[in-house]
Amino acid sequence: MEPLVLIGIVGAAAVGLLVYGLYVLATRRQTILAERLETYANIEEEAARATAAEFRQQNPVQRVMHLLLGQGYVSRLEETLAGADIPMRPSEYVLLRLTLAAVGFVFGLFSLGYVHSGVALAVAGWFVPAVMVRVHHNRRQAKFVRQLADALMLLTNSLRSGYSFLKGLELVAKEMDDPIAKELNRMLREVNLGATIEEAMMNLGRRVQSPDLDIVISAYLVQKDVGGNLTEIMEKVAETIRERLRIQGDIRVLTAQGRLSGLIVGLLPLAIFTFLLLKAPDYFRIMFEDPKINLLGLNLPVGAVILLAGLLWQLLGGYLIYKIINIKV
């Protein structure tokens, strides 16, 4: 395929994705309404499904993406974006990644003049949003856990003063900062719109995805079924979480050298390869020329096989370092 034809195809795809993104932004209010009905009100579940179905009929691209990606993947992506507090639909997020990949490929092919440079930038454009979402989610989750022990102590004091459990949560949401205040307010809105406390807490656990919060939810559910002093239970849970945070801090200090070594070992070869690929593309040209080898029915250059093997060993080394320093508490 001629380079100009390939550039035209990828450019047309990028423009199409951009136009669709603008259309999604223009109809955002309608989609947000359907999501709020489905998220916050179990009593309006059928209405929310009808609204979502109607919108999908008006939006064939979104329906195709559900078919291609699968409902399970879309649901997990919704939970990830909600946990990271990123106000985007899964379809918008996937389209953003596709657009960045297409723009990166066109830029690398047109500006640098090499197909593999465009491929490298396309891969970077596809994975950078996912990395940013994961980093933002982890930071928000860590901040939530740091606030959790203080929030439980405030909840315990409110229960001792005669507040109910829901009133205590309202007080915590009012006195604490984000992200715990925002998540608790969302949970309380679900309860006010008809969800049970158990369902709202389970939804909170799925959004935050924190083992410490799972301890709190489990303690509340067990107390509700078995009985007991909720104030004392929450106080013990707060002490447990504080101790877990202290031990995790000690472990992070002791494994700091290993984490730094793993980061350098994992990123340095990739950084050097990317730098040479962009600055001196001819340096790797010999790796993709003859001789070739028949591997799994494919006639591949020996140099490309060597690069692939090196990448696999690099990933294996990074995984082993991660397993060594990732100590569960």
Foldseek 3Di string as FASTA:
>chain_A
DDLVVVLVVLVVVLVVLVVVLVVCVVCVVLVVVLVCQCQQAPVCNVVSVVSVVVVCVVPVVVVVCCVVCDPVNQVLVVLLCLLLVNPDHPVSLQSQLSSQLSVQLSCLCVVQVDNVSSNVRSVCSNCVVVVVSVVSSVVQLVVLLVCVLVLLVQLLVCVVVPDDNLVSLVVSLVPDDPDSVVLSVSLVSSVVNPDDNLVSLVSSCSNNVDVLSVQVSVLVVCCVVPNDDPSVSSNVSSVVSVVVVVVVVVLCVVCVVLVVVLVCLLCVVVVVVSVCCRPPVVVCPVLFDDDWDQDPNDTGRPSVVVVVVVNVVSVVVSVVSCVVSPDDD
